[in-house]
Amino acid sequence: MSTKYYIKDNGEYKEIMGKEWYELLQKQKNNSADKRHYFIHFEALSNNEDDYYLEVSKEQYRKWCKERRRHRYIQEQRELLGLIDVLYSNFDDFESGVLGEELLADKAINSEERAIDEIMIKQLLSSLNQLTLDERRIIESLYLSEKPLLQKELAKELHISQQAVSKKTKAILDKLKKYF
């Protein structure tokens, strides 16, 4: 549609006319003592949108240039290798409710192991519910809290010996094994 220009004025963006923007660039080109202005060009993605130039800091401009060079390099490499983009949305079938993305296997996730883990966690939670409050407190303090205690620390807290905590822990773990 058209092109819009925005400069930073006292920390806020202000729209200027194309003529003012051009004069600013000419003035900057002719007079190196003037404060430099850096602009990023955002191209419209469709005919309904505007192009615009946005003033940014020197650091932001450099990052943008670096990213633009990286993007161009990737595009060149893709063309050299003859790679094409495959949009999984092309495989969407809304009538059957299947999305193209669902056709991809996530190799990072082993579904069988995940299912077994979930079953084991459910069994553990069920088993923990079979314990008395004191037994559960001991197991949670030693194994399930964000900051597990040592048996020695728990013994101090419960005012019993470390050997007693060890004995109770073994008995509780044997009890839990029976539930599994």
N, C-alpha and C. Protein backbone atom coordinates (compact mmCIF):
# COMPACT_ATOMS: atom_id res chain seq x y z
N MET A 1 0.83 -1.17 0.00
CA MET A 1 0.00 0.00 0.00
C MET A 1 0.89 1.25 0.00
N SER A 2 1.46 1.57 1.16
CA SER A 2 2.32 2.76 1.25
C SER A 2 3.49 2.44 2.19
N THR A 3 4.34 3.42 2.36
CA THR A 3 5.47 3.26 3.25
C THR A 3 5.36 4.27 4.37
N LYS A 4 5.60 3.81 5.61
CA LYS A 4 5.54 4.69 6.77
C LYS A 4 6.92 4.75 7.39
N TYR A 5 7.22 5.86 8.03
CA TYR A 5 8.54 6.09 8.62
C TYR A 5 8.36 6.51 10.07
N TYR A 6 9.12 5.86 10.95
CA TYR A 6 9.03 6.16 12.37
C TYR A 6 10.42 6.45 12.92
N ILE A 7 10.54 7.57 13.64
CA ILE A 7 11.82 7.90 14.30
C ILE A 7 11.55 7.97 15.80
N LYS A 8 12.64 7.78 16.54
CA LYS A 8 12.53 7.89 17.99
C LYS A 8 12.70 9.35 18.38
N ASP A 9 11.75 9.84 19.13
CA ASP A 9 11.78 11.22 19.59
C ASP A 9 11.49 11.20 21.09
N ASN A 10 12.52 11.51 21.89
CA ASN A 10 12.39 11.49 23.36
C ASN A 10 11.88 10.14 23.87
N GLY A 11 12.43 9.07 23.32
CA GLY A 11 12.10 7.73 23.79
C GLY A 11 10.81 7.15 23.23
N GLU A 12 10.08 7.90 22.43
CA GLU A 12 8.83 7.40 21.85
C GLU A 12 8.90 7.51 20.33
N TYR A 13 8.15 6.64 19.67
CA TYR A 13 8.14 6.66 18.21
C TYR A 13 7.17 7.70 17.69
N LYS A 14 7.65 8.40 16.65
CA LYS A 14 6.84 9.45 16.03
C LYS A 14 6.88 9.19 14.52
N GLU A 15 5.72 9.22 13.90
CA GLU A 15 5.67 9.00 12.45
C GLU A 15 6.06 10.30 11.74
N ILE A 16 6.88 10.15 10.72
CA ILE A 16 7.27 11.31 9.91
C ILE A 16 6.90 11.02 8.45
N MET A 17 6.89 12.06 7.65
CA MET A 17 6.57 11.92 6.23
C MET A 17 7.81 11.41 5.48
N GLY A 18 7.60 10.83 4.33
CA GLY A 18 8.68 10.31 3.51
C GLY A 18 9.71 11.38 3.17
N LYS A 19 9.23 12.59 2.90
CA LYS A 19 10.13 13.69 2.55
C LYS A 19 11.06 14.02 3.72
N GLU A 20 10.50 14.05 4.95
CA GLU A 20 11.31 14.32 6.15
C GLU A 20 12.35 13.22 6.35
N TRP A 21 11.94 12.00 6.12
CA TRP A 21 12.84 10.86 6.28
C TRP A 21 14.00 10.96 5.29
N TYR A 22 13.67 11.27 4.05
CA TYR A 22 14.70 11.40 3.01
C TYR A 22 15.66 12.54 3.36
N GLU A 23 15.13 13.66 3.82
CA GLU A 23 15.97 14.80 4.21
C GLU A 23 16.89 14.43 5.38
N LEU A 24 16.36 13.66 6.31
CA LEU A 24 17.15 13.21 7.45
C LEU A 24 18.34 12.36 6.98
N LEU A 25 18.09 11.47 6.04
CA LEU A 25 19.15 10.62 5.52
C LEU A 25 20.18 11.44 4.74
N GLN A 26 19.71 12.40 3.96
CA GLN A 26 20.63 13.26 3.20
C GLN A 26 21.48 14.10 4.14
N LYS A 27 20.88 14.64 5.14
CA LYS A 27 21.58 15.46 6.12
C LYS A 27 22.64 14.60 6.84
N GLN A 28 22.26 13.41 7.17
CA GLN A 28 23.18 12.48 7.84
C GLN A 28 24.35 12.12 6.93
N LYS A 29 24.06 11.93 5.63
CA LYS A 29 25.09 11.57 4.66
C LYS A 29 26.09 12.71 4.47
N ASN A 30 25.58 13.94 4.43
CA ASN A 30 26.42 15.10 4.16
C ASN A 30 27.16 15.61 5.40
N ASN A 31 26.64 15.33 6.57
CA ASN A 31 27.23 15.87 7.79
C ASN A 31 27.48 14.73 8.77
N SER A 32 28.71 14.28 8.85
CA SER A 32 29.04 13.14 9.70
C SER A 32 28.99 13.49 11.18
N ALA A 33 28.96 14.76 11.53
CA ALA A 33 28.92 15.17 12.93
C ALA A 33 27.53 14.96 13.52
N ASP A 34 26.52 14.92 12.67
CA ASP A 34 25.16 14.72 13.13
C ASP A 34 25.00 13.32 13.74
N LYS A 35 24.07 13.20 14.63
CA LYS A 35 23.77 11.90 15.22
C LYS A 35 23.32 10.93 14.13
N ARG A 36 23.91 9.72 14.13
CA ARG A 36 23.53 8.71 13.13
C ARG A 36 22.17 8.13 13.46
N HIS A 37 21.41 7.84 12.44
CA HIS A 37 20.11 7.19 12.59
C HIS A 37 20.19 5.84 11.90
N TYR A 38 19.66 4.83 12.54
CA TYR A 38 19.65 3.48 11.98
C TYR A 38 18.20 3.04 11.83
N PHE A 39 17.89 2.54 10.64
CA PHE A 39 16.52 2.14 10.35
C PHE A 39 16.46 0.69 9.88
N ILE A 40 15.44 0.01 10.33
CA ILE A 40 15.16 -1.34 9.86
C ILE A 40 13.94 -1.25 8.96
N HIS A 41 14.04 -1.89 7.80
CA HIS A 41 12.95 -1.88 6.84
C HIS A 41 12.11 -3.14 7.03
N PHE A 42 10.85 -2.94 7.31
CA PHE A 42 9.90 -4.05 7.43
C PHE A 42 9.01 -4.05 6.20
N GLU A 43 9.13 -5.11 5.42
CA GLU A 43 8.33 -5.19 4.19
C GLU A 43 6.95 -5.76 4.49
N ALA A 44 5.97 -5.26 3.77
CA ALA A 44 4.61 -5.75 3.92
C ALA A 44 4.54 -7.20 3.49
N LEU A 45 3.76 -7.97 4.22
CA LEU A 45 3.59 -9.39 3.89
C LEU A 45 2.47 -9.61 2.89
N SER A 46 1.62 -8.62 2.76
CA SER A 46 0.53 -8.72 1.78
C SER A 46 0.26 -7.34 1.19
N ASN A 47 -0.59 -7.30 0.18
CA ASN A 47 -0.93 -6.03 -0.47
C ASN A 47 -1.75 -5.12 0.44
N ASN A 48 -2.35 -5.67 1.47
CA ASN A 48 -3.19 -4.87 2.37
C ASN A 48 -2.38 -4.14 3.43
N GLU A 49 -1.11 -4.48 3.56
CA GLU A 49 -0.28 -3.92 4.62
C GLU A 49 0.68 -2.87 4.08
N ASP A 50 1.26 -2.10 5.01
CA ASP A 50 2.22 -1.07 4.65
C ASP A 50 3.64 -1.56 4.90
N ASP A 51 4.58 -1.04 4.10
CA ASP A 51 6.00 -1.16 4.42
C ASP A 51 6.27 -0.10 5.48
N TYR A 52 7.26 -0.34 6.32
CA TYR A 52 7.64 0.75 7.20
C TYR A 52 9.10 0.65 7.59
N TYR A 53 9.65 1.81 7.91
CA TYR A 53 11.02 1.95 8.38
C TYR A 53 10.95 2.39 9.83
N LEU A 54 11.66 1.67 10.68
CA LEU A 54 11.63 1.94 12.11
C LEU A 54 13.04 2.27 12.60
N GLU A 55 13.19 3.41 13.26
CA GLU A 55 14.50 3.78 13.79
C GLU A 55 14.80 2.90 15.00
N VAL A 56 16.04 2.39 15.04
CA VAL A 56 16.48 1.52 16.13
C VAL A 56 17.88 1.95 16.58
N SER A 57 18.32 1.36 17.66
CA SER A 57 19.68 1.67 18.14
C SER A 57 20.70 1.01 17.22
N LYS A 58 21.95 1.45 17.34
CA LYS A 58 23.02 0.89 16.52
C LYS A 58 23.17 -0.60 16.80
N GLU A 59 23.07 -0.98 18.07
CA GLU A 59 23.19 -2.40 18.45
C GLU A 59 22.06 -3.24 17.84
N GLN A 60 20.83 -2.73 17.91
CA GLN A 60 19.70 -3.45 17.33
C GLN A 60 19.87 -3.58 15.81
N TYR A 61 20.36 -2.52 15.19
CA TYR A 61 20.57 -2.54 13.74
C TYR A 61 21.60 -3.59 13.36
N ARG A 62 22.69 -3.65 14.12
CA ARG A 62 23.74 -4.65 13.83
C ARG A 62 23.21 -6.07 13.99
N LYS A 63 22.43 -6.30 15.04
CA LYS A 63 21.84 -7.64 15.25
C LYS A 63 20.92 -7.99 14.08
N TRP A 64 20.13 -7.02 13.65
CA TRP A 64 19.20 -7.25 12.54
C TRP A 64 19.98 -7.58 11.26
N CYS A 65 21.07 -6.82 10.99
CA CYS A 65 21.89 -7.08 9.80
C CYS A 65 22.50 -8.48 9.86
N LYS A 66 22.98 -8.85 11.03
CA LYS A 66 23.59 -10.17 11.20
C LYS A 66 22.56 -11.27 10.93
N GLU A 67 21.37 -11.10 11.46
CA GLU A 67 20.30 -12.09 11.26
C GLU A 67 19.88 -12.14 9.79
N ARG A 68 19.83 -10.98 9.14
CA ARG A 68 19.47 -10.93 7.72
C ARG A 68 20.52 -11.65 6.87
N ARG A 69 21.82 -11.43 7.18
CA ARG A 69 22.89 -12.15 6.46
C ARG A 69 22.78 -13.64 6.68
N ARG A 70 22.49 -14.05 7.92
CA ARG A 70 22.33 -15.48 8.23
C ARG A 70 21.18 -16.09 7.43
N HIS A 71 20.08 -15.37 7.37
CA HIS A 71 18.91 -15.85 6.62
C HIS A 71 19.24 -16.00 5.13
N ARG A 72 19.93 -15.00 4.57
CA ARG A 72 20.33 -15.08 3.16
C ARG A 72 21.25 -16.27 2.90
N TYR A 73 22.20 -16.49 3.81
CA TYR A 73 23.13 -17.62 3.67
C TYR A 73 22.36 -18.94 3.68
N ILE A 74 21.43 -19.07 4.60
CA ILE A 74 20.63 -20.30 4.67
C ILE A 74 19.85 -20.50 3.38
N GLN A 75 19.25 -19.43 2.87
CA GLN A 75 18.50 -19.52 1.62
C GLN A 75 19.41 -19.95 0.46
N GLU A 76 20.60 -19.38 0.39
CA GLU A 76 21.55 -19.75 -0.67
C GLU A 76 21.93 -21.23 -0.57
N GLN A 77 22.17 -21.69 0.64
CA GLN A 77 22.54 -23.10 0.83
C GLN A 77 21.39 -24.02 0.47
N ARG A 78 20.19 -23.63 0.81
CA ARG A 78 19.01 -24.43 0.46
C ARG A 78 18.87 -24.55 -1.06
N GLU A 79 19.11 -23.43 -1.75
CA GLU A 79 19.02 -23.43 -3.21
C GLU A 79 20.12 -24.29 -3.83
N LEU A 80 21.34 -24.18 -3.29
CA LEU A 80 22.44 -25.01 -3.79
C LEU A 80 22.16 -26.50 -3.63
N LEU A 81 21.56 -26.86 -2.50
CA LEU A 81 21.27 -28.26 -2.23
C LEU A 81 19.96 -28.74 -2.86
N GLY A 82 19.21 -27.81 -3.40
CA GLY A 82 17.94 -28.16 -4.02
C GLY A 82 16.86 -28.54 -3.02
N LEU A 83 16.93 -27.98 -1.83
CA LEU A 83 15.94 -28.29 -0.80
C LEU A 83 14.66 -27.51 -1.06
N ILE A 84 13.55 -28.13 -0.71
CA ILE A 84 12.26 -27.45 -0.85
C ILE A 84 11.55 -27.47 0.50
N ASP A 85 10.64 -26.55 0.69
CA ASP A 85 9.85 -26.50 1.92
C ASP A 85 8.62 -27.38 1.75
N VAL A 86 8.37 -28.18 2.76
CA VAL A 86 7.16 -29.00 2.78
C VAL A 86 6.30 -28.47 3.92
N LEU A 87 5.13 -28.02 3.60
CA LEU A 87 4.22 -27.53 4.62
C LEU A 87 3.32 -28.69 5.05
N TYR A 88 3.42 -29.04 6.30
CA TYR A 88 2.61 -30.15 6.80
C TYR A 88 1.14 -29.78 6.81
N SER A 89 0.84 -28.48 6.78
CA SER A 89 -0.56 -28.07 6.72
C SER A 89 -1.20 -28.51 5.40
N ASN A 90 -0.37 -28.81 4.37
CA ASN A 90 -0.91 -29.32 3.11
C ASN A 90 -1.54 -30.70 3.29
N PHE A 91 -1.18 -31.38 4.38
CA PHE A 91 -1.70 -32.72 4.63
C PHE A 91 -2.88 -32.70 5.60
N ASP A 92 -3.33 -31.51 5.98
CA ASP A 92 -4.47 -31.41 6.89
C ASP A 92 -5.72 -31.95 6.22
N ASP A 93 -6.46 -32.75 6.95
CA ASP A 93 -7.74 -33.27 6.47
C ASP A 93 -8.77 -32.97 7.54
N PHE A 94 -9.45 -31.84 7.40
CA PHE A 94 -10.36 -31.38 8.44
C PHE A 94 -11.59 -32.27 8.57
N GLU A 95 -11.98 -32.94 7.49
CA GLU A 95 -13.15 -33.81 7.56
C GLU A 95 -12.90 -34.98 8.51
N SER A 96 -11.70 -35.55 8.44
CA SER A 96 -11.39 -36.68 9.32
C SER A 96 -10.74 -36.22 10.63
N GLY A 97 -10.43 -34.92 10.73
CA GLY A 97 -9.85 -34.39 11.96
C GLY A 97 -8.35 -34.63 12.09
N VAL A 98 -7.68 -34.98 11.00
CA VAL A 98 -6.24 -35.25 11.06
C VAL A 98 -5.48 -34.00 10.61
N LEU A 99 -4.50 -33.61 11.41
CA LEU A 99 -3.64 -32.49 11.05
C LEU A 99 -2.31 -33.02 10.55
N GLY A 100 -1.75 -32.35 9.56
CA GLY A 100 -0.49 -32.78 8.97
C GLY A 100 0.64 -32.91 9.99
N GLU A 101 0.67 -32.00 10.97
CA GLU A 101 1.72 -32.05 11.98
C GLU A 101 1.65 -33.33 12.80
N GLU A 102 0.46 -33.90 12.94
CA GLU A 102 0.30 -35.12 13.73
C GLU A 102 0.92 -36.33 13.04
N LEU A 103 1.21 -36.20 11.76
CA LEU A 103 1.81 -37.31 11.02
C LEU A 103 3.29 -37.46 11.31
N LEU A 104 3.89 -36.44 11.94
CA LEU A 104 5.32 -36.48 12.25
C LEU A 104 5.56 -37.29 13.52
N ALA A 105 6.54 -38.15 13.46
CA ALA A 105 6.93 -38.90 14.65
C ALA A 105 7.93 -38.08 15.43
N ASP A 106 7.71 -37.94 16.72
CA ASP A 106 8.65 -37.22 17.57
C ASP A 106 9.66 -38.22 18.11
N LYS A 107 10.84 -38.23 17.51
CA LYS A 107 11.85 -39.21 17.89
C LYS A 107 12.46 -38.92 19.24
N ALA A 108 12.25 -37.73 19.75
CA ALA A 108 12.80 -37.38 21.06
C ALA A 108 11.99 -38.02 22.18
N ILE A 109 10.78 -38.47 21.87
CA ILE A 109 9.91 -39.04 22.88
C ILE A 109 9.70 -40.52 22.57
N ASN A 110 10.03 -41.36 23.52
CA ASN A 110 9.77 -42.78 23.39
C ASN A 110 8.43 -43.04 24.05
N SER A 111 7.40 -43.26 23.25
CA SER A 111 6.03 -43.40 23.75
C SER A 111 5.89 -44.56 24.72
N GLU A 112 6.55 -45.68 24.44
CA GLU A 112 6.44 -46.84 25.32
C GLU A 112 7.02 -46.54 26.69
N GLU A 113 8.21 -45.95 26.72
CA GLU A 113 8.83 -45.61 28.00
C GLU A 113 7.98 -44.60 28.77
N ARG A 114 7.44 -43.66 28.04
CA ARG A 114 6.60 -42.64 28.68
C ARG A 114 5.35 -43.27 29.30
N ALA A 115 4.73 -44.21 28.58
CA ALA A 115 3.54 -44.88 29.09
C ALA A 115 3.88 -45.71 30.33
N ILE A 116 5.02 -46.41 30.28
CA ILE A 116 5.45 -47.22 31.43
C ILE A 116 5.72 -46.31 32.62
N ASP A 117 6.39 -45.19 32.39
CA ASP A 117 6.66 -44.24 33.48
C ASP A 117 5.37 -43.75 34.12
N GLU A 118 4.37 -43.44 33.29
CA GLU A 118 3.10 -42.95 33.83
C GLU A 118 2.40 -44.02 34.66
N ILE A 119 2.46 -45.25 34.20
CA ILE A 119 1.85 -46.36 34.95
C ILE A 119 2.57 -46.53 36.29
N MET A 120 3.91 -46.48 36.26
CA MET A 120 4.70 -46.64 37.48
C MET A 120 4.41 -45.51 38.47
N ILE A 121 4.27 -44.30 37.96
CA ILE A 121 3.97 -43.16 38.84
C ILE A 121 2.61 -43.34 39.49
N LYS A 122 1.62 -43.79 38.72
CA LYS A 122 0.28 -44.03 39.28
C LYS A 122 0.35 -45.10 40.36
N GLN A 123 1.12 -46.16 40.10
CA GLN A 123 1.26 -47.22 41.09
C GLN A 123 1.94 -46.70 42.35
N LEU A 124 2.97 -45.89 42.18
CA LEU A 124 3.68 -45.33 43.32
C LEU A 124 2.76 -44.46 44.16
N LEU A 125 1.99 -43.59 43.50
CA LEU A 125 1.08 -42.72 44.23
C LEU A 125 0.03 -43.52 44.98
N SER A 126 -0.47 -44.57 44.35
CA SER A 126 -1.45 -45.44 44.99
C SER A 126 -0.82 -46.13 46.20
N SER A 127 0.42 -46.58 46.05
CA SER A 127 1.13 -47.24 47.14
C SER A 127 1.40 -46.28 48.29
N LEU A 128 1.78 -45.06 47.96
CA LEU A 128 2.03 -44.06 49.01
C LEU A 128 0.78 -43.78 49.83
N ASN A 129 -0.38 -43.87 49.19
CA ASN A 129 -1.64 -43.64 49.90
C ASN A 129 -1.94 -44.75 50.90
N GLN A 130 -1.28 -45.90 50.77
CA GLN A 130 -1.47 -47.01 51.69
C GLN A 130 -0.65 -46.85 52.97
N LEU A 131 0.31 -45.93 52.97
CA LEU A 131 1.18 -45.72 54.12
C LEU A 131 0.49 -44.89 55.19
N THR A 132 0.99 -45.03 56.41
CA THR A 132 0.51 -44.16 57.49
C THR A 132 1.11 -42.77 57.28
N LEU A 133 0.61 -41.79 58.00
CA LEU A 133 1.12 -40.43 57.88
C LEU A 133 2.60 -40.35 58.25
N ASP A 134 3.00 -41.05 59.31
CA ASP A 134 4.41 -41.03 59.71
C ASP A 134 5.30 -41.68 58.66
N GLU A 135 4.85 -42.81 58.11
CA GLU A 135 5.63 -43.50 57.08
C GLU A 135 5.76 -42.62 55.83
N ARG A 136 4.66 -42.03 55.46
CA ARG A 136 4.68 -41.17 54.27
C ARG A 136 5.60 -39.97 54.47
N ARG A 137 5.59 -39.39 55.68
CA ARG A 137 6.46 -38.24 55.98
C ARG A 137 7.92 -38.63 55.82
N ILE A 138 8.27 -39.81 56.28
CA ILE A 138 9.66 -40.27 56.18
C ILE A 138 10.07 -40.41 54.72
N ILE A 139 9.23 -41.09 53.91
CA ILE A 139 9.54 -41.31 52.49
C ILE A 139 9.61 -39.98 51.74
N GLU A 140 8.65 -39.11 52.00
CA GLU A 140 8.65 -37.81 51.31
C GLU A 140 9.88 -36.99 51.69
N SER A 141 10.26 -37.02 52.98
CA SER A 141 11.42 -36.24 53.43
C SER A 141 12.72 -36.76 52.82
N LEU A 142 12.83 -38.08 52.69
CA LEU A 142 14.08 -38.68 52.19
C LEU A 142 14.18 -38.73 50.67
N TYR A 143 13.02 -38.88 49.98
CA TYR A 143 13.08 -39.15 48.55
C TYR A 143 12.27 -38.20 47.66
N LEU A 144 11.18 -37.67 48.15
CA LEU A 144 10.25 -36.99 47.25
C LEU A 144 10.22 -35.47 47.37
N SER A 145 10.89 -34.91 48.34
CA SER A 145 10.85 -33.45 48.48
C SER A 145 11.84 -32.80 47.50
N GLU A 146 11.65 -31.51 47.29
CA GLU A 146 12.55 -30.77 46.39
C GLU A 146 13.98 -30.81 46.90
N LYS A 147 14.13 -30.77 48.22
CA LYS A 147 15.45 -30.83 48.84
C LYS A 147 15.44 -31.99 49.82
N PRO A 148 15.70 -33.21 49.34
CA PRO A 148 15.64 -34.39 50.21
C PRO A 148 16.64 -34.29 51.37
N LEU A 149 16.20 -34.81 52.50
CA LEU A 149 17.05 -34.81 53.69
C LEU A 149 17.91 -36.08 53.73
N LEU A 150 19.00 -36.00 54.44
CA LEU A 150 19.78 -37.19 54.74
C LEU A 150 19.12 -37.87 55.93
N GLN A 151 19.38 -39.18 56.09
CA GLN A 151 18.79 -39.89 57.22
C GLN A 151 19.20 -39.24 58.54
N LYS A 152 20.43 -38.78 58.61
CA LYS A 152 20.96 -38.13 59.81
C LYS A 152 20.16 -36.86 60.14
N GLU A 153 19.83 -36.07 59.10
CA GLU A 153 19.07 -34.84 59.29
C GLU A 153 17.64 -35.14 59.73
N LEU A 154 17.05 -36.16 59.13
CA LEU A 154 15.69 -36.54 59.48
C LEU A 154 15.64 -37.08 60.91
N ALA A 155 16.68 -37.81 61.32
CA ALA A 155 16.75 -38.35 62.68
C ALA A 155 16.73 -37.20 63.69
N LYS A 156 17.49 -36.15 63.42
CA LYS A 156 17.49 -34.97 64.32
C LYS A 156 16.10 -34.36 64.40
N GLU A 157 15.45 -34.24 63.23
CA GLU A 157 14.13 -33.63 63.16
C GLU A 157 13.09 -34.44 63.94
N LEU A 158 13.21 -35.78 63.87
CA LEU A 158 12.24 -36.67 64.53
C LEU A 158 12.65 -37.02 65.96
N HIS A 159 13.85 -36.58 66.38
CA HIS A 159 14.38 -36.86 67.71
C HIS A 159 14.55 -38.36 67.95
N ILE A 160 15.07 -39.04 66.93
CA ILE A 160 15.41 -40.47 67.04
C ILE A 160 16.80 -40.67 66.45
N SER A 161 17.34 -41.87 66.59
CA SER A 161 18.68 -42.13 66.06
C SER A 161 18.64 -42.34 64.56
N GLN A 162 19.80 -42.17 63.94
CA GLN A 162 19.91 -42.38 62.49
C GLN A 162 19.64 -43.85 62.17
N GLN A 163 20.05 -44.76 63.05
CA GLN A 163 19.81 -46.19 62.84
C GLN A 163 18.31 -46.49 62.85
N ALA A 164 17.58 -45.80 63.71
CA ALA A 164 16.13 -46.00 63.77
C ALA A 164 15.48 -45.53 62.46
N VAL A 165 15.95 -44.41 61.95
CA VAL A 165 15.43 -43.91 60.66
C VAL A 165 15.74 -44.92 59.57
N SER A 166 16.95 -45.46 59.57
CA SER A 166 17.35 -46.44 58.57
C SER A 166 16.47 -47.68 58.63
N LYS A 167 16.22 -48.15 59.84
CA LYS A 167 15.38 -49.34 60.04
C LYS A 167 13.94 -49.10 59.56
N LYS A 168 13.40 -47.93 59.95
CA LYS A 168 12.04 -47.59 59.53
C LYS A 168 11.95 -47.45 58.00
N THR A 169 12.97 -46.82 57.41
CA THR A 169 12.99 -46.61 55.96
C THR A 169 12.98 -47.95 55.24
N LYS A 170 13.80 -48.90 55.70
CA LYS A 170 13.86 -50.23 55.08
C LYS A 170 12.51 -50.93 55.18
N ALA A 171 11.87 -50.82 56.35
CA ALA A 171 10.56 -51.45 56.54
C ALA A 171 9.51 -50.83 55.62
N ILE A 172 9.55 -49.52 55.48
CA ILE A 172 8.58 -48.81 54.61
C ILE A 172 8.81 -49.19 53.15
N LEU A 173 10.07 -49.23 52.72
CA LEU A 173 10.37 -49.60 51.34
C LEU A 173 9.94 -51.04 51.05
N ASP A 174 10.13 -51.95 52.03
CA ASP A 174 9.66 -53.34 51.87
C ASP A 174 8.14 -53.37 51.73
N LYS A 175 7.46 -52.54 52.51
CA LYS A 175 6.00 -52.44 52.44
C LYS A 175 5.56 -51.94 51.06
N LEU A 176 6.27 -50.92 50.55
CA LEU A 176 5.93 -50.39 49.23
C LEU A 176 6.15 -51.43 48.12
N LYS A 177 7.20 -52.24 48.26
CA LYS A 177 7.48 -53.28 47.26
C LYS A 177 6.32 -54.26 47.16
N LYS A 178 5.68 -54.53 48.29
CA LYS A 178 4.54 -55.47 48.30
C LYS A 178 3.38 -54.93 47.47
N TYR A 179 3.21 -53.61 47.49
CA TYR A 179 2.12 -53.00 46.72
C TYR A 179 2.39 -53.01 45.23
N PHE A 180 3.67 -53.08 44.85
CA PHE A 180 4.01 -53.14 43.44
C PHE A 180 3.87 -54.56 43.01
